[in-house]
Amino acid sequence: MTEAILALPGLDVPRETFERLEHFARLLVDENARQNLVSQSTLPDLWQRHIADAAQLLAFAPGRGSWLDIGSGAGLPGMVIAILTGAPMLLVEPRRLRAEFLQRTVEALQLSHNVKVERAKVELVRHPPVDVITARAVASIDRLFCIAAHLSHKGTIWVLPKGRSAKSELDEARRTWQGEFRLEPSRTDPNALILIASRVRRRSAARGVA
């Protein structure tokens, strides 16, 4: 239901932006018939499960600048955030078919002014540090820090939607990484949490560990 995104607190979606989100949703559904971007069972609840789920992340990085979405796949959450904000967005996706879908979507939605698609593993990406890093269903928290820390700076905020394993993943990551961490409840899934991390850096004793 499209009402799901309109119900998110503090989110005011202009008509033109909303129409672009609807266009994106149609493109995603059409492409899902050709490649498995999202679970088929979630399509009837696409707006709640995927689009509103992505949009809620904006509440944790208000007014921030450039974004990186790791393993963007279906464009979630990166494409949704780019549509809603117009912010510079780098979508990193190593799989060819998914990267090609993302590029076609950028062109169809006329987002080439702010969205770039890079087909690569994020650890191989060379790009100026970004202000916000996100990733959905890609890897553990520790692994995400390992593969993308080179794309962050001291002020970068990590906004990482996670499932029930969020606390145990964070406990594991703390063994190697330090910073300011908090877990926030998802507004769209009662079983999910969102990790908000800042000032992330490797612990001194762990420096040089791959």
C-alpha atoms as a PDB file:
ATOM      1  CA  MET A   1       0.000   0.000   0.000  1.00  0.00           C
ATOM      2  CA  THR A   2       1.364   3.386  -0.976  1.00  0.00           C
ATOM      3  CA  GLU A   3       0.001   4.785   2.293  1.00  0.00           C
ATOM      4  CA  ALA A   4       2.890   3.057   4.080  1.00  0.00           C
ATOM      5  CA  ILE A   5       5.432   5.621   2.964  1.00  0.00           C
ATOM      6  CA  LEU A   6       3.108   8.566   3.534  1.00  0.00           C
ATOM      7  CA  ALA A   7       2.663   7.449   7.133  1.00  0.00           C
ATOM      8  CA  LEU A   8       6.356   7.713   8.005  1.00  0.00           C
ATOM      9  CA  PRO A   9       6.850  10.545  10.533  1.00  0.00           C
ATOM     10  CA  GLY A  10       8.523  13.655   9.175  1.00  0.00           C
ATOM     11  CA  LEU A  11       8.420  12.512   5.550  1.00  0.00           C
ATOM     12  CA  ASP A  12       6.696  14.905   3.154  1.00  0.00           C
ATOM     13  CA  VAL A  13       6.626  13.470  -0.368  1.00  0.00           C
ATOM     14  CA  PRO A  14       5.796  15.861  -3.247  1.00  0.00           C
ATOM     15  CA  ARG A  15       3.579  14.522  -6.028  1.00  0.00           C
ATOM     16  CA  GLU A  16       6.384  14.380  -8.608  1.00  0.00           C
ATOM     17  CA  THR A  17       8.600  12.439  -6.206  1.00  0.00           C
ATOM     18  CA  PHE A  18       5.781  10.094  -5.323  1.00  0.00           C
ATOM     19  CA  GLU A  19       5.131   9.405  -9.014  1.00  0.00           C
ATOM     20  CA  ARG A  20       8.818   8.597  -9.463  1.00  0.00           C
ATOM     21  CA  LEU A  21       8.606   6.136  -6.565  1.00  0.00           C
ATOM     22  CA  GLU A  22       5.594   4.528  -8.217  1.00  0.00           C
ATOM     23  CA  HIS A  23       7.539   4.270 -11.475  1.00  0.00           C
ATOM     24  CA  PHE A  24      10.430   2.658  -9.615  1.00  0.00           C
ATOM     25  CA  ALA A  25       8.051   0.178  -7.986  1.00  0.00           C
ATOM     26  CA  ARG A  26       6.691  -0.842 -11.417  1.00  0.00           C
ATOM     27  CA  LEU A  27      10.200  -1.284 -12.806  1.00  0.00           C
ATOM     28  CA  LEU A  28      11.169  -3.438  -9.838  1.00  0.00           C
ATOM     29  CA  VAL A  29       8.112  -5.676 -10.171  1.00  0.00           C
ATOM     30  CA  ASP A  30       8.644  -6.085 -13.912  1.00  0.00           C
ATOM     31  CA  GLU A  31      12.321  -6.937 -13.486  1.00  0.00           C
ATOM     32  CA  ASN A  32      11.554  -9.336 -10.667  1.00  0.00           C
ATOM     33  CA  ALA A  33       9.853 -11.540 -13.245  1.00  0.00           C
ATOM     34  CA  ARG A  34      13.229 -11.858 -15.011  1.00  0.00           C
ATOM     35  CA  GLN A  35      15.606 -12.075 -12.073  1.00  0.00           C
ATOM     36  CA  ASN A  36      15.061 -12.614  -8.363  1.00  0.00           C
ATOM     37  CA  LEU A  37      15.538  -9.121  -6.937  1.00  0.00           C
ATOM     38  CA  VAL A  38      13.207  -9.544  -3.959  1.00  0.00           C
ATOM     39  CA  SER A  39      11.213 -12.479  -2.660  1.00  0.00           C
ATOM     40  CA  GLN A  40       8.100 -13.006  -4.765  1.00  0.00           C
ATOM     41  CA  SER A  41       6.041 -13.405  -1.607  1.00  0.00           C
ATOM     42  CA  THR A  42       6.805  -9.800  -0.568  1.00  0.00           C
ATOM     43  CA  LEU A  43       5.493  -8.162  -3.760  1.00  0.00           C
ATOM     44  CA  PRO A  44       1.869  -7.794  -2.547  1.00  0.00           C
ATOM     45  CA  ASP A  45       3.262  -5.714   0.339  1.00  0.00           C
ATOM     46  CA  LEU A  46       5.987  -3.994  -1.704  1.00  0.00           C
ATOM     47  CA  TRP A  47       5.445  -0.503  -0.323  1.00  0.00           C
ATOM     48  CA  GLN A  48       5.626  -1.538   3.317  1.00  0.00           C
ATOM     49  CA  ARG A  49       8.267  -4.264   3.062  1.00  0.00           C
ATOM     50  CA  HIS A  50      10.649  -2.512   0.704  1.00  0.00           C
ATOM     51  CA  ILE A  51       9.956   1.126  -0.149  1.00  0.00           C
ATOM     52  CA  ALA A  52       8.841   2.433   3.261  1.00  0.00           C
ATOM     53  CA  ASP A  53      11.453   0.175   4.840  1.00  0.00           C
ATOM     54  CA  ALA A  54      14.118   1.991   2.810  1.00  0.00           C
ATOM     55  CA  ALA A  55      12.642   5.466   3.290  1.00  0.00           C
ATOM     56  CA  GLN A  56      12.684   5.212   7.088  1.00  0.00           C
ATOM     57  CA  LEU A  57      16.489   5.277   7.052  1.00  0.00           C
ATOM     58  CA  LEU A  58      16.399   8.978   6.205  1.00  0.00           C
ATOM     59  CA  ALA A  59      15.336   9.752   9.768  1.00  0.00           C
ATOM     60  CA  PHE A  60      18.770   8.652  10.993  1.00  0.00           C
ATOM     61  CA  ALA A  61      20.817  10.811   8.629  1.00  0.00           C
ATOM     62  CA  PRO A  62      18.867  14.065   8.248  1.00  0.00           C
ATOM     63  CA  GLY A  63      20.462  16.710   6.086  1.00  0.00           C
ATOM     64  CA  ARG A  64      23.421  14.528   5.211  1.00  0.00           C
ATOM     65  CA  GLY A  65      25.276  14.797   1.907  1.00  0.00           C
ATOM     66  CA  SER A  66      26.560  11.920  -0.225  1.00  0.00           C
ATOM     67  CA  TRP A  67      25.479   8.293   0.154  1.00  0.00           C
ATOM     68  CA  LEU A  68      26.868   4.844  -0.640  1.00  0.00           C
ATOM     69  CA  ASP A  69      24.583   1.814  -0.914  1.00  0.00           C
ATOM     70  CA  ILE A  70      26.544  -1.450  -0.771  1.00  0.00           C
ATOM     71  CA  GLY A  71      25.190  -4.419  -2.724  1.00  0.00           C
ATOM     72  CA  SER A  72      22.283  -2.334  -3.936  1.00  0.00           C
ATOM     73  CA  GLY A  73      20.668  -5.166  -5.923  1.00  0.00           C
ATOM     74  CA  ALA A  74      17.074  -4.086  -6.423  1.00  0.00           C
ATOM     75  CA  GLY A  75      17.926  -0.482  -5.558  1.00  0.00           C
ATOM     76  CA  LEU A  76      17.002  -0.964  -1.933  1.00  0.00           C
ATOM     77  CA  PRO A  77      17.511   1.176  -0.012  1.00  0.00           C
ATOM     78  CA  GLY A  78      19.711   3.348  -2.250  1.00  0.00           C
ATOM     79  CA  MET A  79      17.390   4.107  -5.147  1.00  0.00           C
ATOM     80  CA  VAL A  80      14.517   5.012  -2.824  1.00  0.00           C
ATOM     81  CA  ILE A  81      16.725   7.388  -0.844  1.00  0.00           C
ATOM     82  CA  ALA A  82      18.060   8.976  -4.028  1.00  0.00           C
ATOM     83  CA  ILE A  83      14.532   9.553  -5.316  1.00  0.00           C
ATOM     84  CA  LEU A  84      13.357  11.060  -2.047  1.00  0.00           C
ATOM     85  CA  THR A  85      16.347  13.330  -1.440  1.00  0.00           C
ATOM     86  CA  GLY A  86      18.095  14.050  -4.729  1.00  0.00           C
ATOM     87  CA  ALA A  87      21.333  13.467  -2.809  1.00  0.00           C
ATOM     88  CA  PRO A  88      24.457  12.127  -4.533  1.00  0.00           C
ATOM     89  CA  MET A  89      24.143   8.329  -4.399  1.00  0.00           C
ATOM     90  CA  LEU A  90      26.654   5.652  -5.368  1.00  0.00           C
ATOM     91  CA  LEU A  91      25.022   2.263  -5.925  1.00  0.00           C
ATOM     92  CA  VAL A  92      27.613  -0.513  -5.770  1.00  0.00           C
ATOM     93  CA  GLU A  93      26.503  -3.883  -7.130  1.00  0.00           C
ATOM     94  CA  PRO A  94      28.898  -6.639  -8.274  1.00  0.00           C
ATOM     95  CA  ARG A  95      26.361  -8.812 -10.127  1.00  0.00           C
ATOM     96  CA  ARG A  96      26.043  -7.916 -13.804  1.00  0.00           C
ATOM     97  CA  LEU A  97      22.298  -8.387 -14.302  1.00  0.00           C
ATOM     98  CA  ARG A  98      21.456  -6.406 -11.202  1.00  0.00           C
ATOM     99  CA  ALA A  99      23.875  -3.621 -12.065  1.00  0.00           C
ATOM    100  CA  GLU A 100      22.346  -3.430 -15.542  1.00  0.00           C
ATOM    101  CA  PHE A 101      18.863  -3.181 -14.007  1.00  0.00           C
ATOM    102  CA  LEU A 102      20.033  -0.364 -11.753  1.00  0.00           C
ATOM    103  CA  GLN A 103      21.545   1.526 -14.676  1.00  0.00           C
ATOM    104  CA  ARG A 104      18.374   1.162 -16.751  1.00  0.00           C
ATOM    105  CA  THR A 105      16.369   2.396 -13.783  1.00  0.00           C
ATOM    106  CA  VAL A 106      18.601   5.451 -13.340  1.00  0.00           C
ATOM    107  CA  GLU A 107      18.009   6.320 -16.985  1.00  0.00           C
ATOM    108  CA  ALA A 108      14.267   5.611 -16.911  1.00  0.00           C
ATOM    109  CA  LEU A 109      13.781   7.785 -13.825  1.00  0.00           C
ATOM    110  CA  GLN A 110      16.138  10.509 -15.081  1.00  0.00           C
ATOM    111  CA  LEU A 111      18.382  10.262 -12.042  1.00  0.00           C
ATOM    112  CA  SER A 112      21.742  10.420 -13.800  1.00  0.00           C
ATOM    113  CA  HIS A 113      22.395  13.841 -12.229  1.00  0.00           C
ATOM    114  CA  ASN A 114      22.681  12.345  -8.744  1.00  0.00           C
ATOM    115  CA  VAL A 115      22.915   8.539  -9.014  1.00  0.00           C
ATOM    116  CA  LYS A 116      25.928   6.561 -10.197  1.00  0.00           C
ATOM    117  CA  VAL A 117      25.993   2.782 -10.577  1.00  0.00           C
ATOM    118  CA  GLU A 118      29.291   0.962 -10.176  1.00  0.00           C
ATOM    119  CA  ARG A 119      29.499  -2.733 -10.974  1.00  0.00           C
ATOM    120  CA  ALA A 120      32.168  -3.941  -8.552  1.00  0.00           C
ATOM    121  CA  LYS A 121      32.830  -5.421  -5.163  1.00  0.00           C
ATOM    122  CA  VAL A 122      32.802  -2.531  -2.740  1.00  0.00           C
ATOM    123  CA  GLU A 123      36.271  -3.336  -1.414  1.00  0.00           C
ATOM    124  CA  LEU A 124      37.625  -2.602  -4.920  1.00  0.00           C
ATOM    125  CA  VAL A 125      35.768   0.692  -5.361  1.00  0.00           C
ATOM    126  CA  ARG A 126      37.887   3.838  -5.476  1.00  0.00           C
ATOM    127  CA  HIS A 127      35.728   6.854  -4.728  1.00  0.00           C
ATOM    128  CA  PRO A 128      35.912   9.900  -2.447  1.00  0.00           C
ATOM    129  CA  PRO A 129      34.637   9.195   1.088  1.00  0.00           C
ATOM    130  CA  VAL A 130      30.881   9.567   1.518  1.00  0.00           C
ATOM    131  CA  ASP A 131      28.773  10.987   4.327  1.00  0.00           C
ATOM    132  CA  VAL A 132      26.379   8.060   4.790  1.00  0.00           C
ATOM    133  CA  ILE A 133      26.881   4.337   4.140  1.00  0.00           C
ATOM    134  CA  THR A 134      24.030   1.856   4.027  1.00  0.00           C
ATOM    135  CA  ALA A 135      23.566  -1.776   3.055  1.00  0.00           C
ATOM    136  CA  ARG A 136      20.601  -4.115   3.239  1.00  0.00           C
ATOM    137  CA  ALA A 137      20.989  -7.889   3.637  1.00  0.00           C
ATOM    138  CA  VAL A 138      24.581  -7.876   2.389  1.00  0.00           C
ATOM    139  CA  ALA A 139      26.953  -8.985   5.150  1.00  0.00           C
ATOM    140  CA  SER A 140      27.580  -8.899   8.883  1.00  0.00           C
ATOM    141  CA  ILE A 141      28.320  -5.580  10.563  1.00  0.00           C
ATOM    142  CA  ASP A 142      31.980  -6.498  11.070  1.00  0.00           C
ATOM    143  CA  ARG A 143      32.332  -7.496   7.414  1.00  0.00           C
ATOM    144  CA  LEU A 144      30.682  -4.289   6.193  1.00  0.00           C
ATOM    145  CA  PHE A 145      33.100  -2.186   8.209  1.00  0.00           C
ATOM    146  CA  CYS A 146      36.015  -4.214   6.806  1.00  0.00           C
ATOM    147  CA  ILE A 147      35.061  -3.869   3.148  1.00  0.00           C
ATOM    148  CA  ALA A 148      33.854  -0.264   3.132  1.00  0.00           C
ATOM    149  CA  ALA A 149      35.823   1.631   5.779  1.00  0.00           C
ATOM    150  CA  HIS A 150      38.072   3.075   3.054  1.00  0.00           C
ATOM    151  CA  LEU A 151      35.018   4.907   1.677  1.00  0.00           C
ATOM    152  CA  SER A 152      34.233   6.594   5.003  1.00  0.00           C
ATOM    153  CA  HIS A 153      35.613   9.645   6.808  1.00  0.00           C
ATOM    154  CA  LYS A 154      35.554  10.673  10.470  1.00  0.00           C
ATOM    155  CA  GLY A 155      32.034  12.084  10.192  1.00  0.00           C
ATOM    156  CA  THR A 156      30.477   9.274   8.160  1.00  0.00           C
ATOM    157  CA  ILE A 157      27.266   7.788   9.537  1.00  0.00           C
ATOM    158  CA  TRP A 158      26.566   4.109   8.912  1.00  0.00           C
ATOM    159  CA  VAL A 159      22.843   3.309   8.702  1.00  0.00           C
ATOM    160  CA  LEU A 160      22.515  -0.461   8.481  1.00  0.00           C
ATOM    161  CA  PRO A 161      19.134  -2.244   8.601  1.00  0.00           C
ATOM    162  CA  LYS A 162      19.566  -5.624  10.272  1.00  0.00           C
ATOM    163  CA  GLY A 163      17.426  -8.521  11.426  1.00  0.00           C
ATOM    164  CA  ARG A 164      17.247 -10.357  14.731  1.00  0.00           C
ATOM    165  CA  SER A 165      21.001 -10.970  14.712  1.00  0.00           C
ATOM    166  CA  ALA A 166      21.780  -7.260  15.026  1.00  0.00           C
ATOM    167  CA  LYS A 167      22.887  -7.329  18.664  1.00  0.00           C
ATOM    168  CA  SER A 168      25.113 -10.374  18.299  1.00  0.00           C
ATOM    169  CA  GLU A 169      26.610  -8.935  15.097  1.00  0.00           C
ATOM    170  CA  LEU A 170      27.346  -5.659  16.868  1.00  0.00           C
ATOM    171  CA  ASP A 171      28.935  -7.485  19.808  1.00  0.00           C
ATOM    172  CA  GLU A 172      31.193  -9.313  17.359  1.00  0.00           C
ATOM    173  CA  ALA A 173      32.084  -6.103  15.490  1.00  0.00           C
ATOM    174  CA  ARG A 174      33.021  -4.352  18.737  1.00  0.00           C
ATOM    175  CA  ARG A 175      35.907  -6.787  19.153  1.00  0.00           C
ATOM    176  CA  THR A 176      37.631  -5.175  16.154  1.00  0.00           C
ATOM    177  CA  TRP A 177      35.943  -1.804  15.756  1.00  0.00           C
ATOM    178  CA  GLN A 178      35.245   1.141  18.034  1.00  0.00           C
ATOM    179  CA  GLY A 179      32.946   4.100  17.641  1.00  0.00           C
ATOM    180  CA  GLU A 180      29.513   5.285  18.672  1.00  0.00           C
ATOM    181  CA  PHE A 181      26.871   2.605  18.124  1.00  0.00           C
ATOM    182  CA  ARG A 182      23.169   2.347  18.813  1.00  0.00           C
ATOM    183  CA  LEU A 183      20.372   0.040  17.689  1.00  0.00           C
ATOM    184  CA  GLU A 184      17.032   1.561  16.723  1.00  0.00           C
ATOM    185  CA  PRO A 185      13.769  -0.337  16.142  1.00  0.00           C
ATOM    186  CA  SER A 186      12.538  -0.556  12.566  1.00  0.00           C
ATOM    187  CA  ARG A 187       9.272   1.301  11.934  1.00  0.00           C
ATOM    188  CA  THR A 188       8.204  -1.235   9.307  1.00  0.00           C
ATOM    189  CA  ASP A 189       9.252  -4.590  10.802  1.00  0.00           C
ATOM    190  CA  PRO A 190       8.832  -5.383  14.514  1.00  0.00           C
ATOM    191  CA  ASN A 191      11.517  -8.068  14.272  1.00  0.00           C
ATOM    192  CA  ALA A 192      14.160  -5.801  12.737  1.00  0.00           C
ATOM    193  CA  LEU A 193      16.644  -3.273  14.076  1.00  0.00           C
ATOM    194  CA  ILE A 194      18.731  -0.537  12.468  1.00  0.00           C
ATOM    195  CA  LEU A 195      22.338   0.019  13.478  1.00  0.00           C
ATOM    196  CA  ILE A 196      23.404   3.666  13.577  1.00  0.00           C
ATOM    197  CA  ALA A 197      27.177   3.980  13.828  1.00  0.00           C
ATOM    198  CA  SER A 198      29.534   6.950  13.714  1.00  0.00           C
ATOM    199  CA  ARG A 199      33.206   7.629  14.355  1.00  0.00           C
ATOM    200  CA  VAL A 200      33.880   4.049  13.289  1.00  0.00           C
ATOM    201  CA  ARG A 201      37.540   3.071  13.376  1.00  0.00           C
ATOM    202  CA  ARG A 202      39.542  -0.073  13.853  1.00  0.00           C
ATOM    203  CA  ARG A 203      40.763  -0.752  17.376  1.00  0.00           C
ATOM    204  CA  SER A 204      44.481  -0.167  17.759  1.00  0.00           C
ATOM    205  CA  ALA A 205      45.234  -3.803  18.562  1.00  0.00           C
ATOM    206  CA  ALA A 206      43.322  -4.860  15.434  1.00  0.00           C
ATOM    207  CA  ARG A 207      45.044  -2.537  12.963  1.00  0.00           C
ATOM    208  CA  GLY A 208      46.418  -4.397  10.013  1.00  0.00           C
ATOM    209  CA  VAL A 209      43.979  -7.296  10.462  1.00  0.00           C
ATOM    210  CA  ALA A 210      42.261  -8.125   7.147  1.00  0.00           C
END
